[in-house]
């Protein structure tokens, strides 16, 4: 049997900000997930991509995180065993205006 897969765009061309939180995304059918974070222009600040998991889509537990280093244009966070729902935050410890936009994709596979 071939695995099923799906790619979803959670955020598209949104300006980089101090903190962004995605809407919850239902992934109970999937076995694995890769979140891809891309920037249009590398930053002079680090970005933290954090995943949150939930059984019901209402109560959340911080799961894993990865840091996009200064000067990088993208990173990926690989997850397994994440329950029925997932959401992400993207944040930086530096405030101000950033001259970049970001995309966040999730690729899920059964």
Protein backbone atom coordinates (compact mmCIF):
# COMPACT_ATOMS: atom_id res chain seq x y z
CA UNK A 1 0.00 0.00 0.00
CA UNK A 2 1.35 3.43 -0.94
CA UNK A 3 1.52 6.06 1.78
CA UNK A 4 -0.80 9.03 1.50
CA UNK A 5 0.72 12.47 1.71
CA UNK A 6 -0.44 16.05 1.71
CA UNK A 7 1.27 19.43 1.71
CA UNK A 8 -0.52 22.37 3.33
CA UNK A 9 0.44 26.03 3.33
CA UNK A 10 -0.12 27.31 6.89
CA UNK A 11 1.37 30.77 6.30
CA UNK A 12 2.18 32.41 2.96
CA UNK A 13 4.19 35.60 2.42
CA UNK A 14 3.49 37.02 5.86
CA UNK A 15 5.79 39.72 7.22
CA UNK A 16 8.28 38.55 9.82
CA UNK A 17 7.14 39.77 13.24
CA UNK A 18 8.12 39.32 16.89
CA UNK A 19 5.68 36.38 17.29
CA UNK A 20 3.29 34.60 14.95
CA UNK A 21 0.97 31.74 15.87
CA UNK A 22 -0.65 29.52 13.25
CA UNK A 23 -4.19 28.22 13.32
CA UNK A 24 -4.53 24.63 14.57
CA UNK A 25 -4.23 21.99 11.86
CA UNK A 26 -5.82 18.52 12.11
CA UNK A 27 -3.30 15.74 11.39
CA UNK A 28 -4.67 12.67 13.17
CA UNK A 29 -4.40 10.50 10.04
CA UNK A 30 -0.67 11.15 9.59
CA UNK A 31 2.37 9.28 10.90
CA UNK A 32 5.01 11.89 10.22
CA UNK A 33 5.22 15.58 9.49
CA UNK A 34 7.87 17.99 8.27
CA UNK A 35 7.36 21.72 8.78
CA UNK A 36 9.29 23.88 6.30
CA UNK A 37 9.99 27.52 7.18
CA UNK A 38 11.27 29.73 4.36
CA UNK A 39 12.28 33.40 4.34
CA UNK A 40 12.39 35.68 1.31
CA UNK A 41 15.39 37.54 2.75
CA UNK A 42 17.76 36.21 5.46
CA UNK A 43 17.51 38.04 8.79
CA UNK A 44 20.06 39.51 11.15
CA UNK A 45 18.18 37.80 13.96
CA UNK A 46 17.40 34.18 14.85
CA UNK A 47 13.87 32.80 14.47
CA UNK A 48 12.48 30.05 16.68
CA UNK A 49 9.99 27.61 15.15
CA UNK A 50 8.08 25.73 17.88
CA UNK A 51 5.52 22.98 17.51
CA UNK A 52 2.58 22.46 19.86
CA UNK A 53 0.55 19.24 19.95
CA UNK A 54 -2.98 18.55 21.12
CA UNK A 55 -5.41 15.67 21.41
CA UNK A 56 -8.48 17.90 21.01
CA UNK A 57 -7.31 21.08 19.27
CA UNK A 58 -8.03 23.21 22.36
CA UNK A 59 -5.39 22.35 24.98
CA UNK A 60 -1.79 22.55 23.85
CA UNK A 61 1.59 21.14 24.90
CA UNK A 62 4.86 22.53 23.59
CA UNK A 63 6.62 19.73 21.74
CA UNK A 64 9.76 20.50 19.72
CA UNK A 65 11.59 23.49 18.35
CA UNK A 66 14.31 24.47 15.94
CA UNK A 67 16.17 27.73 15.40
CA UNK A 68 16.69 29.41 12.06
CA UNK A 69 20.17 30.89 12.42
CA UNK A 70 21.21 34.40 11.40
CA UNK A 71 21.67 34.58 7.63
CA UNK A 72 19.81 31.34 6.80
CA UNK A 73 16.82 31.33 4.43
CA UNK A 74 15.09 28.16 5.61
CA UNK A 75 14.85 25.28 8.03
CA UNK A 76 12.79 22.13 8.60
CA UNK A 77 11.33 20.55 11.73
CA UNK A 78 10.63 16.80 11.56
CA UNK A 79 7.98 15.34 13.85
CA UNK A 80 6.42 11.99 14.73
CA UNK A 81 3.89 11.01 17.43
CA UNK A 82 2.08 14.35 17.54
CA UNK A 83 -1.52 13.48 18.40
CA UNK A 84 -4.52 14.73 16.47
CA UNK A 85 -3.73 18.42 16.14
CA UNK A 86 -0.68 20.60 15.62
CA UNK A 87 0.11 24.30 15.53
CA UNK A 88 3.27 26.38 15.40
CA UNK A 89 4.72 29.62 16.69
CA UNK A 90 7.45 31.57 14.96
CA UNK A 91 9.21 34.12 17.13
CA UNK A 92 12.33 36.19 17.54
CA UNK A 93 13.81 37.84 20.60
CA UNK A 94 14.51 40.98 18.59
CA UNK A 95 11.74 43.53 18.14
CA UNK A 96 11.42 45.95 15.28
CA UNK A 97 10.78 45.91 11.56
CA UNK A 98 12.13 43.11 9.43
CA UNK A 99 12.60 43.37 5.69
CA UNK A 100 11.49 39.80 4.99
CA UNK A 101 8.43 37.63 4.56
CA UNK A 102 7.99 33.98 5.49
CA UNK A 103 6.21 30.87 4.32
CA UNK A 104 5.36 27.88 6.51
CA UNK A 105 4.45 24.61 4.84
CA UNK A 106 3.67 21.26 6.43
CA UNK A 107 4.10 18.01 4.58
CA UNK A 108 2.28 15.12 6.28
CA UNK A 109 2.44 11.43 5.36
CA UNK A 110 0.58 8.36 6.59
